[in-house]
C-alpha cells in the first residue's frame, strides 16, 4: 500500500516538496540533491499557493540559520 501511494505521488511536486521541506526542518540540513529539487520546483511556472508557501518557509529557515545547506563533498577527499 505504501508503494502505491509513493508511485501515485511521483507526479505531485507539492507532496515531494512538502516532504523535502519537512525533512530539512527536522534535520536542520538541506542536502545537495534536495537543494537541486527545490530549485527545480522553484523554476516551475505553475506554482500553487501551497508550493510558494513551502518555498517561503524553507527560505526563511535557511535565512534564520535553522537549516544549513550542505555542500557536496569532493570525490578527491578521503574519508577519515
N, C-alpha and C. Protein backbone atom coordinates (compact mmCIF):
# COMPACT_ATOMS: atom_id res chain seq x y z
N UNK A 1 0.82 -1.19 0.00
CA UNK A 1 0.00 0.00 0.00
C UNK A 1 0.87 1.26 0.00
N UNK A 2 1.95 1.24 0.77
CA UNK A 2 2.86 2.38 0.79
C UNK A 2 3.46 2.59 -0.59
N UNK A 3 3.78 1.51 -1.27
CA UNK A 3 4.34 1.61 -2.61
C UNK A 3 3.35 2.29 -3.56
N UNK A 4 2.07 1.94 -3.45
CA UNK A 4 1.06 2.57 -4.29
C UNK A 4 1.00 4.07 -4.08
N UNK A 5 1.06 4.51 -2.83
CA UNK A 5 0.99 5.94 -2.57
C UNK A 5 2.26 6.63 -3.03
N UNK A 6 3.40 5.94 -2.96
CA UNK A 6 4.66 6.51 -3.45
C UNK A 6 4.60 6.68 -4.96
N UNK A 7 4.11 5.67 -5.64
CA UNK A 7 4.03 5.74 -7.09
C UNK A 7 3.07 6.84 -7.53
N UNK A 8 1.93 6.93 -6.88
CA UNK A 8 0.95 7.93 -7.29
C UNK A 8 1.39 9.35 -6.95
N UNK A 9 2.32 9.50 -6.00
CA UNK A 9 2.77 10.84 -5.62
C UNK A 9 3.94 11.32 -6.45
N UNK A 10 4.48 10.50 -7.33
CA UNK A 10 5.63 10.92 -8.12
C UNK A 10 5.33 12.10 -9.02
N UNK A 11 4.10 12.22 -9.47
CA UNK A 11 3.72 13.33 -10.34
C UNK A 11 3.17 14.51 -9.57
N UNK A 12 3.29 14.50 -8.26
CA UNK A 12 2.76 15.57 -7.42
C UNK A 12 3.92 16.30 -6.75
N UNK A 13 4.47 17.33 -7.39
CA UNK A 13 5.62 18.01 -6.81
C UNK A 13 5.33 18.62 -5.45
N UNK A 14 4.05 18.96 -5.17
CA UNK A 14 3.74 19.57 -3.88
C UNK A 14 3.95 18.58 -2.74
N UNK A 15 3.64 17.30 -2.95
CA UNK A 15 3.85 16.30 -1.91
C UNK A 15 5.34 16.10 -1.68
N UNK A 16 6.10 15.99 -2.76
CA UNK A 16 7.54 15.82 -2.63
C UNK A 16 8.18 17.06 -2.02
N UNK A 17 7.71 18.22 -2.40
CA UNK A 17 8.24 19.46 -1.85
C UNK A 17 7.96 19.54 -0.36
N UNK A 18 6.76 19.19 0.03
CA UNK A 18 6.43 19.20 1.46
C UNK A 18 7.34 18.25 2.23
N UNK A 19 7.57 17.07 1.69
CA UNK A 19 8.47 16.11 2.34
C UNK A 19 9.87 16.71 2.48
N UNK A 20 10.37 17.32 1.42
CA UNK A 20 11.70 17.91 1.45
C UNK A 20 11.80 19.03 2.48
N UNK A 21 10.80 19.88 2.54
CA UNK A 21 10.81 20.98 3.50
C UNK A 21 10.72 20.44 4.92
N UNK A 22 9.82 19.50 5.15
CA UNK A 22 9.70 18.91 6.49
C UNK A 22 10.99 18.24 6.92
N UNK A 23 11.61 17.51 6.00
CA UNK A 23 12.86 16.82 6.30
C UNK A 23 13.97 17.81 6.63
N UNK A 24 14.07 18.88 5.85
CA UNK A 24 15.09 19.89 6.11
C UNK A 24 14.87 20.55 7.47
N UNK A 25 13.63 20.85 7.80
CA UNK A 25 13.34 21.46 9.09
C UNK A 25 13.62 20.51 10.24
N UNK A 26 13.33 19.22 10.04
CA UNK A 26 13.55 18.23 11.11
C UNK A 26 15.03 17.96 11.34
N UNK A 27 15.81 17.94 10.26
CA UNK A 27 17.24 17.60 10.40
C UNK A 27 18.13 18.82 10.52
N UNK A 28 17.63 19.98 10.08
CA UNK A 28 18.44 21.18 10.10
C UNK A 28 19.43 21.24 8.96
N UNK A 29 19.26 20.35 7.99
CA UNK A 29 20.19 20.29 6.85
C UNK A 29 19.42 20.21 5.54
N UNK A 30 20.03 20.78 4.51
CA UNK A 30 19.47 20.73 3.17
C UNK A 30 20.54 20.08 2.28
N UNK A 31 20.29 18.84 1.88
CA UNK A 31 21.27 18.10 1.08
C UNK A 31 21.39 18.70 -0.32
N UNK A 32 22.49 18.43 -1.01
CA UNK A 32 22.64 18.92 -2.38
C UNK A 32 21.52 18.44 -3.30
N UNK A 33 21.10 17.19 -3.16
CA UNK A 33 20.03 16.66 -4.01
C UNK A 33 18.71 17.36 -3.72
N UNK A 34 18.42 17.59 -2.45
CA UNK A 34 17.19 18.28 -2.09
C UNK A 34 17.23 19.72 -2.56
N UNK A 35 18.38 20.35 -2.43
CA UNK A 35 18.54 21.71 -2.90
C UNK A 35 18.29 21.80 -4.40
N UNK A 36 18.79 20.84 -5.16
CA UNK A 36 18.58 20.82 -6.61
C UNK A 36 17.10 20.64 -6.92
N UNK A 37 16.42 19.77 -6.17
CA UNK A 37 14.99 19.55 -6.39
C UNK A 37 14.19 20.83 -6.08
N UNK A 38 14.55 21.50 -5.01
CA UNK A 38 13.86 22.74 -4.63
C UNK A 38 14.05 23.79 -5.72
N UNK A 39 15.26 23.90 -6.27
CA UNK A 39 15.49 24.84 -7.37
C UNK A 39 14.63 24.48 -8.58
N UNK A 40 14.53 23.19 -8.86
CA UNK A 40 13.71 22.73 -9.99
C UNK A 40 12.25 23.12 -9.79
N UNK A 41 11.74 22.91 -8.59
CA UNK A 41 10.35 23.27 -8.30
C UNK A 41 10.18 24.78 -8.38
N UNK A 42 11.14 25.52 -7.82
CA UNK A 42 11.06 26.99 -7.81
C UNK A 42 11.00 27.55 -9.23
N UNK A 43 11.66 26.88 -10.18
CA UNK A 43 11.69 27.34 -11.56
C UNK A 43 10.43 27.00 -12.35
N UNK A 44 9.54 26.21 -11.76
CA UNK A 44 8.29 25.87 -12.45
C UNK A 44 7.41 27.12 -12.55
N UNK A 45 6.72 27.24 -13.65
CA UNK A 45 5.89 28.43 -13.86
C UNK A 45 4.50 28.31 -13.23
N UNK A 46 4.10 27.12 -12.90
CA UNK A 46 2.73 26.93 -12.40
C UNK A 46 2.72 26.56 -10.91
N UNK A 47 3.45 27.31 -10.11
CA UNK A 47 3.47 27.04 -8.67
C UNK A 47 2.13 27.39 -8.04
N UNK A 48 1.70 26.52 -7.16
CA UNK A 48 0.47 26.78 -6.41
C UNK A 48 0.80 27.68 -5.23
N UNK A 49 -0.23 28.17 -4.59
CA UNK A 49 -0.03 28.96 -3.38
C UNK A 49 0.67 28.12 -2.31
N UNK A 50 0.30 26.86 -2.25
CA UNK A 50 0.92 25.95 -1.28
C UNK A 50 2.41 25.79 -1.56
N UNK A 51 2.78 25.61 -2.84
CA UNK A 51 4.19 25.50 -3.22
C UNK A 51 4.96 26.74 -2.80
N UNK A 52 4.39 27.91 -3.10
CA UNK A 52 5.06 29.17 -2.76
C UNK A 52 5.21 29.31 -1.25
N UNK A 53 4.22 28.87 -0.50
CA UNK A 53 4.30 28.92 0.96
C UNK A 53 5.40 28.01 1.48
N UNK A 54 5.46 26.79 0.96
CA UNK A 54 6.50 25.85 1.38
C UNK A 54 7.89 26.39 1.06
N UNK A 55 8.04 26.96 -0.13
CA UNK A 55 9.33 27.53 -0.51
C UNK A 55 9.70 28.70 0.40
N UNK A 56 8.72 29.52 0.76
CA UNK A 56 8.97 30.65 1.66
C UNK A 56 9.37 30.18 3.05
N UNK A 57 8.73 29.13 3.54
CA UNK A 57 9.07 28.57 4.85
C UNK A 57 10.52 28.08 4.84
N UNK A 58 10.88 27.36 3.79
CA UNK A 58 12.24 26.85 3.69
C UNK A 58 13.25 28.00 3.59
N UNK A 59 12.96 29.00 2.77
CA UNK A 59 13.86 30.14 2.63
C UNK A 59 14.04 30.87 3.95
N UNK A 60 12.96 31.07 4.68
CA UNK A 60 13.05 31.72 6.00
C UNK A 60 13.91 30.90 6.95
N UNK A 61 13.73 29.58 6.94
CA UNK A 61 14.51 28.71 7.83
C UNK A 61 15.99 28.77 7.49
N UNK A 62 16.32 28.86 6.21
CA UNK A 62 17.72 28.98 5.80
C UNK A 62 18.28 30.33 6.24
N UNK A 63 17.53 31.40 6.02
CA UNK A 63 17.99 32.74 6.40
C UNK A 63 18.16 32.88 7.90
N UNK A 64 17.32 32.20 8.68
CA UNK A 64 17.40 32.27 10.14
C UNK A 64 18.46 31.34 10.71
N UNK A 65 19.05 30.51 9.85
CA UNK A 65 20.08 29.58 10.31
C UNK A 65 19.54 28.29 10.89
N UNK A 66 18.24 28.06 10.75
CA UNK A 66 17.64 26.82 11.25
C UNK A 66 17.94 25.63 10.34
N UNK A 67 18.17 25.92 9.06
CA UNK A 67 18.51 24.90 8.07
C UNK A 67 19.80 25.33 7.40
N UNK A 68 20.76 24.42 7.38
CA UNK A 68 22.06 24.69 6.76
C UNK A 68 22.19 23.91 5.46
N UNK A 69 22.39 24.59 4.34
CA UNK A 69 22.67 23.87 3.10
C UNK A 69 24.00 23.13 3.22
N UNK A 70 24.02 21.89 2.81
CA UNK A 70 25.22 21.06 2.87
C UNK A 70 25.91 21.12 1.52
N UNK A 71 27.18 21.42 1.53
CA UNK A 71 27.96 21.47 0.30
C UNK A 71 28.32 20.05 -0.13
N UNK A 72 28.25 19.78 -1.44
CA UNK A 72 28.65 18.44 -1.91
C UNK A 72 30.13 18.23 -1.65
N UNK A 73 30.46 17.01 -1.24
CA UNK A 73 31.85 16.69 -0.96
C UNK A 73 32.57 16.35 -2.25
N UNK A 74 33.78 16.78 -2.34
CA UNK A 74 34.60 16.48 -3.50
C UNK A 74 34.98 15.00 -3.50
N UNK A 75 35.05 14.41 -4.67
CA UNK A 75 35.41 12.98 -4.77
C UNK A 75 36.87 12.76 -4.47
N UNK A 76 37.67 13.84 -4.39
CA UNK A 76 39.09 13.69 -4.08
C UNK A 76 39.37 13.67 -2.60
N UNK A 77 38.35 14.02 -1.79
CA UNK A 77 38.55 13.99 -0.34
C UNK A 77 38.47 12.55 0.14
N UNK A 78 39.34 12.20 1.05
CA UNK A 78 39.30 10.84 1.58
C UNK A 78 38.59 10.84 2.92
N UNK A 79 37.94 9.74 3.21
CA UNK A 79 37.23 9.60 4.49
C UNK A 79 38.24 9.39 5.59
N UNK A 80 38.03 10.06 6.71
CA UNK A 80 38.95 9.94 7.84
C UNK A 80 38.36 9.05 8.86
